[in-house]
Amino acid sequence: MLDDTLVDEYLARIGARRPERADLDALRHLQERHVLAVPFENLGYHLDEPIHMDEQVLDKIVRQHRGGGCYEVNPAFSFLLTALGYQVEILPGRVHRPGGELGAAMCHLALRVTLDGRQWLVDTGFGRNSRHPLDLASREVQADPDGQFQLLDVDGGGVDVLLNGKPLYRLDDRPVRIADFRPTLWWYRTSPESPFLQDVFCSLRTEDGRITLKGNQLSVVAGKERSSETYPDDAAVLAAYKTHFGFSLDRLPSEPQLAGATAGVQTG
């Protein structure tokens, strides 16, 4: 359990107010601030850093001002929510690949928050997750600042999460432990098919778009405007991490050894 000092540091890190009570309005505020402050990134996979899913991840997220994938940012957020009085469970998911096939079990980690008997999907670690909690009981389209989300039941069990009519991932509604993801984390770190080993990326949602750095290529979406920039050298790339994402690196991540795009990891 986080102590009050670390809770305050975490709230300051994401620019959030400490809630007076653990209610839906506060949850919406906390999730939105988390999405807009904590990057979705895979730099640790290419810096040979340990990927922590337990409370050790808080040093990276809170004190280093870094981000991570779903195995890092969603557990970190769950620790904060629990410390603030929310009832949080871990749900596993399977990612819908661009080609239409469904990925393996346990390849996504999301959160379920129960408030006054209602359950909410909270996800800050998918790249195209909603900015606000989604009502897990509703099958209607749910408007969000980042698109139209919908949850649909699947024959045989599970719920598909759709964004603007396209499936993102399939949730299993049976809660698991964070430790249950360790074998899949090993796969993500070692498999030639791992989407986290295909590219080096860091992406952050903004109020009206997104900033993404892939290798030495910066892409900015601001409303209907899109722009890009190619950095000429390592020093410029390192400076870009500080300028656009708020953290410093001692060295650049190593270039991926595997060719291809980030299949199933949505950053754009």
Protein backbone atom coordinates (compact mmCIF):
# COMPACT_ATOMS: atom_id res chain seq x y z
CA MET A 1 0.00 0.00 0.00
CA LEU A 2 1.28 3.45 -0.93
CA ASP A 3 1.89 5.81 1.98
CA ASP A 4 0.57 9.39 1.93
CA THR A 5 3.90 10.81 0.79
CA LEU A 6 4.03 8.59 -2.28
CA VAL A 7 0.35 9.20 -3.02
CA ASP A 8 1.05 12.94 -3.01
CA GLU A 9 4.07 12.45 -5.27
CA TYR A 10 2.00 10.36 -7.67
CA LEU A 11 -0.81 12.93 -7.78
CA ALA A 12 1.73 15.70 -8.40
CA ARG A 13 3.33 13.60 -11.15
CA ILE A 14 0.06 13.39 -13.09
CA GLY A 15 -1.19 16.86 -12.13
CA ALA A 16 -4.24 15.53 -10.30
CA ARG A 17 -6.17 16.72 -7.27
CA ARG A 18 -6.42 14.46 -4.24
CA PRO A 19 -10.07 13.36 -4.23
CA GLU A 20 -12.24 14.08 -1.23
CA ARG A 21 -13.96 10.73 -1.76
CA ALA A 22 -13.49 7.69 -3.97
CA ASP A 23 -16.33 8.40 -6.39
CA LEU A 24 -16.86 8.37 -10.17
CA ASP A 25 -16.10 12.04 -10.72
CA ALA A 26 -12.74 11.65 -9.01
CA LEU A 27 -12.02 8.46 -10.98
CA ARG A 28 -12.72 10.27 -14.25
CA HIS A 29 -10.37 13.07 -13.21
CA LEU A 30 -7.61 10.68 -12.14
CA GLN A 31 -7.78 8.56 -15.28
CA GLU A 32 -7.78 11.57 -17.58
CA ARG A 33 -4.80 13.10 -15.82
CA HIS A 34 -2.95 9.77 -15.97
CA VAL A 35 -3.58 9.36 -19.70
CA LEU A 36 -2.41 12.92 -20.41
CA ALA A 37 0.71 12.71 -18.23
CA VAL A 38 2.16 9.18 -18.44
CA PRO A 39 3.55 8.07 -21.83
CA PHE A 40 2.80 4.75 -23.45
CA GLU A 41 6.34 3.59 -24.26
CA ASN A 42 8.55 0.55 -24.70
CA LEU A 43 11.95 2.16 -24.11
CA GLY A 44 12.77 -0.16 -21.21
CA TYR A 45 12.64 -3.14 -23.57
CA HIS A 46 15.45 -1.56 -25.60
CA LEU A 47 17.44 -0.13 -22.68
CA ASP A 48 17.77 -3.55 -21.03
CA GLU A 49 15.83 -2.27 -18.02
CA PRO A 50 13.82 -4.54 -15.72
CA ILE A 51 10.07 -4.42 -16.35
CA HIS A 52 8.37 -4.30 -12.94
CA MET A 53 4.70 -5.07 -12.43
CA ASP A 54 4.79 -4.77 -8.63
CA GLU A 55 5.22 -1.60 -6.57
CA GLN A 56 8.81 -1.24 -7.80
CA VAL A 57 7.30 0.26 -10.98
CA LEU A 58 6.31 3.35 -9.00
CA ASP A 59 9.86 4.65 -9.00
CA LYS A 60 9.87 4.63 -12.80
CA ILE A 61 6.42 6.15 -13.23
CA VAL A 62 6.41 8.64 -10.35
CA ARG A 63 10.02 9.64 -9.73
CA GLN A 64 11.63 9.12 -13.14
CA HIS A 65 8.59 10.58 -14.94
CA ARG A 66 8.65 7.67 -17.38
CA GLY A 67 5.80 5.59 -18.76
CA GLY A 68 5.49 2.02 -19.97
CA GLY A 69 3.13 -0.57 -21.39
CA CYS A 70 -0.02 -1.97 -19.84
CA TYR A 71 1.96 -4.29 -17.53
CA GLU A 72 3.52 -1.23 -15.89
CA VAL A 73 1.19 1.76 -16.05
CA ASN A 74 -2.03 -0.06 -15.20
CA PRO A 75 -0.60 -1.83 -12.11
CA ALA A 76 0.93 1.49 -11.02
CA PHE A 77 -2.44 3.20 -11.41
CA SER A 78 -4.13 0.36 -9.52
CA PHE A 79 -1.80 0.94 -6.56
CA LEU A 80 -2.73 4.63 -6.53
CA LEU A 81 -6.46 3.95 -6.80
CA THR A 82 -6.36 1.34 -4.06
CA ALA A 83 -4.53 3.74 -1.75
CA LEU A 84 -7.25 6.33 -2.43
CA GLY A 85 -9.99 3.90 -1.39
CA TYR A 86 -11.14 2.37 -4.69
CA GLN A 87 -11.96 -1.32 -5.14
CA VAL A 88 -9.74 -2.47 -8.02
CA GLU A 89 -9.38 -5.82 -9.80
CA ILE A 90 -7.02 -6.94 -12.55
CA LEU A 91 -8.57 -8.22 -15.79
CA PRO A 92 -6.68 -10.03 -18.59
CA GLY A 93 -7.22 -9.35 -22.26
CA ARG A 94 -6.38 -10.54 -25.77
CA VAL A 95 -5.38 -7.97 -28.38
CA HIS A 96 -7.07 -7.81 -31.78
CA ARG A 97 -4.26 -7.76 -34.33
CA PRO A 98 -4.37 -5.51 -37.42
CA GLY A 99 -4.95 -8.54 -39.64
CA GLY A 100 -8.08 -9.48 -37.72
CA GLU A 101 -6.71 -12.38 -35.71
CA LEU A 102 -6.94 -12.43 -31.93
CA GLY A 103 -3.74 -12.53 -29.90
CA ALA A 104 -2.89 -14.87 -27.06
CA ALA A 105 -4.48 -14.74 -23.63
CA MET A 106 -2.96 -12.49 -20.95
CA CYS A 107 -1.42 -10.14 -23.52
CA HIS A 108 -3.22 -7.12 -22.10
CA LEU A 109 -3.77 -6.02 -18.51
CA ALA A 110 -6.68 -3.72 -17.64
CA LEU A 111 -8.47 -2.64 -14.48
CA ARG A 112 -12.01 -3.08 -13.19
CA VAL A 113 -13.16 -0.58 -10.57
CA THR A 114 -16.36 -1.22 -8.63
CA LEU A 115 -18.25 1.81 -7.32
CA ASP A 116 -21.61 1.57 -5.55
CA GLY A 117 -22.31 -1.78 -7.20
CA ARG A 118 -21.41 -0.59 -10.73
CA GLN A 119 -18.31 -1.77 -12.56
CA TRP A 120 -16.07 0.42 -14.69
CA LEU A 121 -13.31 -0.42 -17.15
CA VAL A 122 -10.24 1.67 -16.42
CA ASP A 123 -7.32 1.44 -18.83
CA THR A 124 -4.36 3.81 -19.13
CA GLY A 125 -1.96 1.47 -20.92
CA PHE A 126 -3.11 0.50 -24.41
CA GLY A 127 -2.19 3.51 -26.50
CA ARG A 128 -5.77 3.98 -27.75
CA ASN A 129 -7.63 3.32 -24.52
CA SER A 130 -10.44 5.64 -23.44
CA ARG A 131 -9.60 8.79 -21.51
CA HIS A 132 -12.49 8.20 -19.08
CA PRO A 133 -13.81 5.05 -17.37
CA LEU A 134 -16.20 2.92 -19.44
CA ASP A 135 -19.39 1.45 -18.00
CA LEU A 136 -18.85 -2.31 -18.14
CA ALA A 137 -22.60 -3.00 -18.01
CA SER A 138 -23.48 -0.82 -21.00
CA ARG A 139 -23.55 -2.11 -24.58
CA GLU A 140 -24.35 1.30 -25.99
CA VAL A 141 -21.78 3.54 -27.62
CA GLN A 142 -19.97 5.54 -24.94
CA ALA A 143 -18.67 8.94 -26.04
CA ASP A 144 -15.17 9.79 -24.87
CA PRO A 145 -12.85 12.71 -25.68
CA ASP A 146 -10.76 10.24 -27.70
CA GLY A 147 -13.51 8.54 -29.67
CA GLN A 148 -16.65 6.42 -29.58
CA PHE A 149 -16.15 3.32 -27.44
CA GLN A 150 -18.44 0.32 -27.20
CA LEU A 151 -18.37 -2.95 -25.28
CA LEU A 152 -19.91 -6.02 -26.93
CA ASP A 153 -20.48 -9.48 -25.51
CA VAL A 154 -18.66 -12.35 -27.21
CA ASP A 155 -20.09 -15.81 -27.75
CA GLY A 156 -18.43 -18.16 -25.29
CA GLY A 157 -17.61 -15.38 -22.84
CA GLY A 158 -15.68 -12.16 -22.74
CA VAL A 159 -16.25 -8.61 -23.91
CA ASP A 160 -14.81 -6.90 -26.97
CA VAL A 161 -13.73 -3.29 -26.55
CA LEU A 162 -14.28 -1.28 -29.74
CA LEU A 163 -13.09 2.19 -30.72
CA ASN A 164 -15.04 3.88 -33.52
CA GLY A 165 -16.42 0.48 -34.52
CA LYS A 166 -13.06 -1.31 -34.66
CA PRO A 167 -12.13 -3.94 -32.04
CA LEU A 168 -9.15 -3.13 -29.84
CA TYR A 169 -9.01 -6.01 -27.38
CA ARG A 170 -11.13 -8.71 -25.74
CA LEU A 171 -11.50 -8.73 -21.98
CA ASP A 172 -12.01 -11.75 -19.75
CA ASP A 173 -14.23 -10.70 -16.85
CA ARG A 174 -12.59 -13.16 -14.44
CA PRO A 175 -10.06 -11.27 -12.32
CA VAL A 176 -6.48 -12.50 -12.00
CA ARG A 177 -3.35 -11.58 -10.08
CA ILE A 178 -0.67 -9.31 -11.50
CA ALA A 179 1.82 -12.16 -10.96
CA ASP A 180 -0.16 -14.27 -13.45
CA PHE A 181 1.22 -12.11 -16.28
CA ARG A 182 4.86 -13.07 -15.65
CA PRO A 183 5.02 -15.77 -18.38
CA THR A 184 3.57 -13.38 -20.95
CA LEU A 185 5.96 -10.64 -19.87
CA TRP A 186 8.80 -13.06 -20.55
CA TRP A 187 7.30 -13.67 -24.01
CA TYR A 188 7.04 -9.93 -24.68
CA ARG A 189 10.72 -9.53 -23.74
CA THR A 190 12.10 -12.47 -25.70
CA SER A 191 9.87 -13.56 -28.60
CA PRO A 192 10.64 -12.53 -32.20
CA GLU A 193 6.88 -11.98 -32.51
CA SER A 194 6.72 -9.56 -29.59
CA PRO A 195 5.27 -6.23 -30.76
CA PHE A 196 7.36 -4.42 -28.16
CA LEU A 197 10.57 -5.54 -29.87
CA GLN A 198 9.66 -4.31 -33.35
CA ASP A 199 10.09 -0.56 -32.87
CA VAL A 200 11.26 1.94 -30.28
CA PHE A 201 8.35 4.22 -29.42
CA CYS A 202 7.13 6.74 -26.89
CA SER A 203 3.65 8.23 -27.26
CA LEU A 204 1.69 10.68 -25.14
CA ARG A 205 -1.91 11.78 -25.49
CA THR A 206 -2.56 15.52 -25.45
CA GLU A 207 -5.78 17.49 -24.98
CA ASP A 208 -6.37 17.60 -28.73
CA GLY A 209 -4.12 14.93 -30.18
CA ARG A 210 -0.94 12.98 -29.60
CA ILE A 211 2.85 13.26 -29.67
CA THR A 212 4.78 10.16 -30.77
CA LEU A 213 8.50 9.57 -31.10
CA LYS A 214 9.52 6.41 -32.98
CA GLY A 215 13.27 6.14 -33.31
CA ASN A 216 14.29 9.56 -34.59
CA GLN A 217 10.89 10.38 -36.11
CA LEU A 218 8.58 12.73 -34.21
CA SER A 219 4.89 12.90 -35.18
CA VAL A 220 2.47 15.45 -33.74
CA VAL A 221 -1.30 15.42 -34.09
CA ALA A 222 -3.03 18.59 -32.88
CA GLY A 223 -6.70 18.69 -33.76
CA LYS A 224 -6.87 18.28 -37.53
CA GLU A 225 -3.25 19.33 -38.01
CA ARG A 226 -0.45 16.79 -38.44
CA SER A 227 3.27 17.44 -38.55
CA SER A 228 6.46 15.43 -38.42
CA GLU A 229 10.16 15.97 -37.85
CA THR A 230 13.24 13.82 -38.32
CA TYR A 231 16.04 14.42 -35.82
CA PRO A 232 19.55 14.47 -37.26
CA ASP A 233 21.53 12.92 -34.41
CA ASP A 234 21.41 11.19 -31.02
CA ALA A 235 21.68 14.44 -29.07
CA ALA A 236 18.57 15.81 -30.76
CA VAL A 237 16.60 12.63 -30.02
CA LEU A 238 17.64 12.70 -26.36
CA ALA A 239 16.60 16.34 -26.16
CA ALA A 240 13.23 15.47 -27.71
CA TYR A 241 12.46 12.97 -24.92
CA LYS A 242 13.03 15.74 -22.39
CA THR A 243 11.15 18.41 -24.33
CA HIS A 244 8.07 16.42 -25.30
CA PHE A 245 7.80 13.77 -22.58
CA GLY A 246 9.48 15.34 -19.58
CA PHE A 247 12.21 12.82 -18.78
CA SER A 248 15.91 12.43 -19.47
CA LEU A 249 17.78 9.36 -20.69
CA ASP A 250 21.47 8.69 -20.24
CA ARG A 251 21.61 6.97 -23.61
CA LEU A 252 19.35 6.10 -26.49
CA PRO A 253 17.52 2.77 -26.61
CA SER A 254 19.21 0.22 -28.83
CA GLU A 255 17.86 -0.21 -32.34
CA PRO A 256 15.40 -3.12 -32.66
CA GLN A 257 16.86 -6.32 -34.02
CA LEU A 258 13.52 -7.35 -35.51
CA ALA A 259 12.14 -5.79 -38.65
CA GLY A 260 8.53 -4.74 -38.94
CA ALA A 261 5.86 -2.49 -37.49
CA THR A 262 4.44 -2.56 -34.00
CA ALA A 263 1.71 -5.08 -34.72
CA GLY A 264 -1.03 -4.84 -32.17
CA VAL A 265 0.57 -1.99 -30.23
CA GLN A 266 -1.40 1.11 -31.13
CA THR A 267 0.43 4.39 -30.75
CA GLY A 268 -0.75 6.53 -33.64
